Amino acid sequence: MPRKPNYNFERSQRDKAKAEKKAARLKARTEKSEARKALAGEGEAESESPEQQD
């Protein structure tokens, strides 16, 4: 005899998994953005150093 489906619980589990996946993607995107900004900041700092010495 099959079990009685619990649609609300199953839906909440799908929503929870979706939210976790979305949070992981957002975290990865922000980390990648911060790394890119840090590299750009280092490049700008190096290019500004000779100009400041003049």
PDB file of N, CA and C in Angstrom:
ATOM      1  N   MET A   1       0.842  -1.169   0.000  1.00  0.00           N
ATOM      2  CA  MET A   1       0.000   0.000   0.000  1.00  0.00           C
ATOM      3  C   MET A   1       0.899   1.249   0.000  1.00  0.00           C
ATOM      4  N   PRO A   2       0.732   2.137  -0.963  1.00  0.00           N
ATOM      5  CA  PRO A   2       1.569   3.341  -1.027  1.00  0.00           C
ATOM      6  C   PRO A   2       1.228   4.330   0.087  1.00  0.00           C
ATOM      7  N   ARG A   3       2.200   5.143   0.405  1.00  0.00           N
ATOM      8  CA  ARG A   3       1.982   6.133   1.462  1.00  0.00           C
ATOM      9  C   ARG A   3       1.135   7.292   0.944  1.00  0.00           C
ATOM     10  N   LYS A   4       0.535   7.984   1.869  1.00  0.00           N
ATOM     11  CA  LYS A   4      -0.263   9.159   1.522  1.00  0.00           C
ATOM     12  C   LYS A   4       0.692  10.323   1.242  1.00  0.00           C
ATOM     13  N   PRO A   5       0.554  11.006   0.110  1.00  0.00           N
ATOM     14  CA  PRO A   5       1.471  12.103  -0.206  1.00  0.00           C
ATOM     15  C   PRO A   5       1.266  13.304   0.724  1.00  0.00           C
ATOM     16  N   ASN A   6       2.377  13.915   1.070  1.00  0.00           N
ATOM     17  CA  ASN A   6       2.347  15.108   1.918  1.00  0.00           C
ATOM     18  C   ASN A   6       2.875  16.265   1.056  1.00  0.00           C
ATOM     19  N   TYR A   7       2.003  16.868   0.302  1.00  0.00           N
ATOM     20  CA  TYR A   7       2.387  17.866  -0.682  1.00  0.00           C
ATOM     21  C   TYR A   7       3.029  19.098  -0.049  1.00  0.00           C
ATOM     22  N   ASN A   8       2.531  19.526   1.079  1.00  0.00           N
ATOM     23  CA  ASN A   8       3.094  20.716   1.722  1.00  0.00           C
ATOM     24  C   ASN A   8       4.534  20.483   2.158  1.00  0.00           C
ATOM     25  N   PHE A   9       4.812  19.335   2.723  1.00  0.00           N
ATOM     26  CA  PHE A   9       6.167  19.025   3.151  1.00  0.00           C
ATOM     27  C   PHE A   9       7.106  18.926   1.957  1.00  0.00           C
ATOM     28  N   GLU A  10       6.668  18.236   0.916  1.00  0.00           N
ATOM     29  CA  GLU A  10       7.497  18.088  -0.279  1.00  0.00           C
ATOM     30  C   GLU A  10       7.778  19.444  -0.918  1.00  0.00           C
ATOM     31  N   ARG A  11       6.780  20.285  -0.953  1.00  0.00           N
ATOM     32  CA  ARG A  11       6.950  21.620  -1.515  1.00  0.00           C
ATOM     33  C   ARG A  11       7.938  22.434  -0.685  1.00  0.00           C
ATOM     34  N   SER A  12       7.835  22.338   0.628  1.00  0.00           N
ATOM     35  CA  SER A  12       8.746  23.084   1.493  1.00  0.00           C
ATOM     36  C   SER A  12      10.183  22.588   1.316  1.00  0.00           C
ATOM     37  N   GLN A  13      10.356  21.293   1.103  1.00  0.00           N
ATOM     38  CA  GLN A  13      11.696  20.747   0.877  1.00  0.00           C
ATOM     39  C   GLN A  13      12.278  21.252  -0.444  1.00  0.00           C
ATOM     40  N   ARG A  14      11.456  21.321  -1.484  1.00  0.00           N
ATOM     41  CA  ARG A  14      11.915  21.843  -2.776  1.00  0.00           C
ATOM     42  C   ARG A  14      12.276  23.316  -2.659  1.00  0.00           C
ATOM     43  N   ASP A  15      11.458  24.087  -1.960  1.00  0.00           N
ATOM     44  CA  ASP A  15      11.737  25.508  -1.773  1.00  0.00           C
ATOM     45  C   ASP A  15      13.017  25.727  -0.978  1.00  0.00           C
ATOM     46  N   LYS A  16      13.224  24.897   0.046  1.00  0.00           N
ATOM     47  CA  LYS A  16      14.427  25.006   0.862  1.00  0.00           C
ATOM     48  C   LYS A  16      15.674  24.704   0.025  1.00  0.00           C
ATOM     49  N   ALA A  17      15.624  23.668  -0.794  1.00  0.00           N
ATOM     50  CA  ALA A  17      16.754  23.311  -1.647  1.00  0.00           C
ATOM     51  C   ALA A  17      17.031  24.419  -2.659  1.00  0.00           C
ATOM     52  N   LYS A  18      15.978  24.986  -3.202  1.00  0.00           N
ATOM     53  CA  LYS A  18      16.120  26.067  -4.171  1.00  0.00           C
ATOM     54  C   LYS A  18      16.766  27.297  -3.525  1.00  0.00           C
ATOM     55  N   ALA A  19      16.353  27.629  -2.310  1.00  0.00           N
ATOM     56  CA  ALA A  19      16.910  28.777  -1.601  1.00  0.00           C
ATOM     57  C   ALA A  19      18.388  28.556  -1.277  1.00  0.00           C
ATOM     58  N   GLU A  20      18.752  27.340  -0.885  1.00  0.00           N
ATOM     59  CA  GLU A  20      20.150  27.036  -0.592  1.00  0.00           C
ATOM     60  C   GLU A  20      21.010  27.154  -1.845  1.00  0.00           C
ATOM     61  N   LYS A  21      20.503  26.660  -2.954  1.00  0.00           N
ATOM     62  CA  LYS A  21      21.238  26.732  -4.220  1.00  0.00           C
ATOM     63  C   LYS A  21      21.410  28.186  -4.659  1.00  0.00           C
ATOM     64  N   LYS A  22      20.364  28.978  -4.500  1.00  0.00           N
ATOM     65  CA  LYS A  22      20.410  30.385  -4.867  1.00  0.00           C
ATOM     66  C   LYS A  22      21.418  31.139  -3.992  1.00  0.00           C
ATOM     67  N   ALA A  23      21.445  30.832  -2.704  1.00  0.00           N
ATOM     68  CA  ALA A  23      22.388  31.473  -1.787  1.00  0.00           C
ATOM     69  C   ALA A  23      23.827  31.097  -2.142  1.00  0.00           C
ATOM     70  N   ALA A  24      24.044  29.840  -2.511  1.00  0.00           N
ATOM     71  CA  ALA A  24      25.391  29.401  -2.889  1.00  0.00           C
ATOM     72  C   ALA A  24      25.850  30.107  -4.158  1.00  0.00           C
ATOM     73  N   ARG A  25      24.958  30.260  -5.112  1.00  0.00           N
ATOM     74  CA  ARG A  25      25.307  30.969  -6.350  1.00  0.00           C
ATOM     75  C   ARG A  25      25.634  32.431  -6.066  1.00  0.00           C
ATOM     76  N   LEU A  26      24.833  33.066  -5.226  1.00  0.00           N
ATOM     77  CA  LEU A  26      25.065  34.468  -4.892  1.00  0.00           C
ATOM     78  C   LEU A  26      26.401  34.643  -4.180  1.00  0.00           C
ATOM     79  N   LYS A  27      26.717  33.735  -3.257  1.00  0.00           N
ATOM     80  CA  LYS A  27      27.982  33.798  -2.540  1.00  0.00           C
ATOM     81  C   LYS A  27      29.151  33.648  -3.500  1.00  0.00           C
ATOM     82  N   ALA A  28      29.067  32.694  -4.419  1.00  0.00           N
ATOM     83  CA  ALA A  28      30.139  32.485  -5.391  1.00  0.00           C
ATOM     84  C   ALA A  28      30.295  33.710  -6.287  1.00  0.00           C
ATOM     85  N   ARG A  29      29.181  34.299  -6.683  1.00  0.00           N
ATOM     86  CA  ARG A  29      29.234  35.472  -7.552  1.00  0.00           C
ATOM     87  C   ARG A  29      29.876  36.663  -6.842  1.00  0.00           C
ATOM     88  N   THR A  30      29.525  36.874  -5.571  1.00  0.00           N
ATOM     89  CA  THR A  30      30.098  38.002  -4.840  1.00  0.00           C
ATOM     90  C   THR A  30      31.589  37.781  -4.577  1.00  0.00           C
ATOM     91  N   GLU A  31      31.987  36.541  -4.269  1.00  0.00           N
ATOM     92  CA  GLU A  31      33.403  36.262  -4.062  1.00  0.00           C
ATOM     93  C   GLU A  31      34.195  36.497  -5.336  1.00  0.00           C
ATOM     94  N   LYS A  32      33.648  36.087  -6.462  1.00  0.00           N
ATOM     95  CA  LYS A  32      34.322  36.286  -7.743  1.00  0.00           C
ATOM     96  C   LYS A  32      34.434  37.778  -8.049  1.00  0.00           C
ATOM     97  N   SER A  33      33.372  38.523  -7.755  1.00  0.00           N
ATOM     98  CA  SER A  33      33.373  39.962  -7.989  1.00  0.00           C
ATOM     99  C   SER A  33      34.407  40.659  -7.105  1.00  0.00           C
ATOM    100  N   GLU A  34      34.469  40.262  -5.834  1.00  0.00           N
ATOM    101  CA  GLU A  34      35.440  40.870  -4.923  1.00  0.00           C
ATOM    102  C   GLU A  34      36.866  40.560  -5.355  1.00  0.00           C
ATOM    103  N   ALA A  35      37.111  39.348  -5.821  1.00  0.00           N
ATOM    104  CA  ALA A  35      38.452  38.986  -6.289  1.00  0.00           C
ATOM    105  C   ALA A  35      38.821  39.810  -7.513  1.00  0.00           C
ATOM    106  N   ARG A  36      37.862  39.995  -8.422  1.00  0.00           N
ATOM    107  CA  ARG A  36      38.118  40.782  -9.625  1.00  0.00           C
ATOM    108  C   ARG A  36      38.398  42.241  -9.252  1.00  0.00           C
ATOM    109  N   LYS A  37      37.658  42.779  -8.284  1.00  0.00           N
ATOM    110  CA  LYS A  37      37.879  44.159  -7.849  1.00  0.00           C
ATOM    111  C   LYS A  37      39.240  44.308  -7.178  1.00  0.00           C
ATOM    112  N   ALA A  38      39.644  43.298  -6.414  1.00  0.00           N
ATOM    113  CA  ALA A  38      40.942  43.348  -5.741  1.00  0.00           C
ATOM    114  C   ALA A  38      42.069  43.355  -6.763  1.00  0.00           C
ATOM    115  N   LEU A  39      41.946  42.531  -7.792  1.00  0.00           N
ATOM    116  CA  LEU A  39      42.969  42.507  -8.836  1.00  0.00           C
ATOM    117  C   LEU A  39      43.009  43.829  -9.590  1.00  0.00           C
ATOM    118  N   ALA A  40      41.861  44.406  -9.858  1.00  0.00           N
ATOM    119  CA  ALA A  40      41.800  45.694 -10.539  1.00  0.00           C
ATOM    120  C   ALA A  40      42.392  46.785  -9.653  1.00  0.00           C
ATOM    121  N   GLY A  41      42.154  46.705  -8.368  1.00  0.00           N
ATOM    122  CA  GLY A  41      42.709  47.689  -7.434  1.00  0.00           C
ATOM    123  C   GLY A  41      44.217  47.627  -7.366  1.00  0.00           C
ATOM    124  N   GLU A  42      44.776  46.424  -7.431  1.00  0.00           N
ATOM    125  CA  GLU A  42      46.231  46.282  -7.423  1.00  0.00           C
ATOM    126  C   GLU A  42      46.827  46.848  -8.694  1.00  0.00           C
ATOM    127  N   GLY A  43      46.186  46.639  -9.814  1.00  0.00           N
ATOM    128  CA  GLY A  43      46.669  47.161 -11.090  1.00  0.00           C
ATOM    129  C   GLY A  43      46.653  48.675 -11.109  1.00  0.00           C
ATOM    130  N   GLU A  44      45.609  49.276 -10.549  1.00  0.00           N
ATOM    131  CA  GLU A  44      45.521  50.731 -10.489  1.00  0.00           C
ATOM    132  C   GLU A  44      46.568  51.299  -9.552  1.00  0.00           C
ATOM    133  N   ALA A  45      46.822  50.639  -8.441  1.00  0.00           N
ATOM    134  CA  ALA A  45      47.806  51.120  -7.487  1.00  0.00           C
ATOM    135  C   ALA A  45      49.201  51.104  -8.094  1.00  0.00           C
ATOM    136  N   GLU A  46      49.525  50.085  -8.863  1.00  0.00           N
ATOM    137  CA  GLU A  46      50.823  49.997  -9.512  1.00  0.00           C
ATOM    138  C   GLU A  46      50.978  51.072 -10.576  1.00  0.00           C
ATOM    139  N   SER A  47      49.924  51.351 -11.322  1.00  0.00           N
ATOM    140  CA  SER A  47      50.013  52.369 -12.379  1.00  0.00           C
ATOM    141  C   SER A  47      50.052  53.774 -11.785  1.00  0.00           C
ATOM    142  N   GLU A  48      49.497  53.980 -10.602  1.00  0.00           N
ATOM    143  CA  GLU A  48      49.505  55.298  -9.975  1.00  0.00           C
ATOM    144  C   GLU A  48      50.843  55.615  -9.310  1.00  0.00           C
ATOM    145  N   SER A  49      51.601  54.613  -8.914  1.00  0.00           N
ATOM    146  CA  SER A  49      52.841  54.860  -8.206  1.00  0.00           C
ATOM    147  C   SER A  49      53.839  55.700  -9.002  1.00  0.00           C
ATOM    148  N   PRO A  50      54.130  55.412 -10.273  1.00  0.00           N
ATOM    149  CA  PRO A  50      55.091  56.240 -11.007  1.00  0.00           C
ATOM    150  C   PRO A  50      54.594  57.678 -11.205  1.00  0.00           C
ATOM    151  N   GLU A  51      53.298  57.860 -11.358  1.00  0.00           N
ATOM    152  CA  GLU A  51      52.756  59.202 -11.552  1.00  0.00           C
ATOM    153  C   GLU A  51      52.939  60.037 -10.297  1.00  0.00           C
ATOM    154  N   GLN A  52      52.851  59.429  -9.138  1.00  0.00           N
ATOM    155  CA  GLN A  52      52.982  60.166  -7.891  1.00  0.00           C
ATOM    156  C   GLN A  52      54.422  60.572  -7.649  1.00  0.00           C
ATOM    157  N   GLN A  53      55.387  59.851  -8.209  1.00  0.00           N
ATOM    158  CA  GLN A  53      56.793  60.151  -7.993  1.00  0.00           C
ATOM    159  C   GLN A  53      57.259  61.353  -8.799  1.00  0.00           C
ATOM    160  N   ASP A  54      56.566  61.724  -9.856  1.00  0.00           N
ATOM    161  CA  ASP A  54      56.978  62.860 -10.700  1.00  0.00           C
ATOM    162  C   ASP A  54      56.860  64.164 -10.020  1.00  0.00           C
TER     163      ASP A  54
END
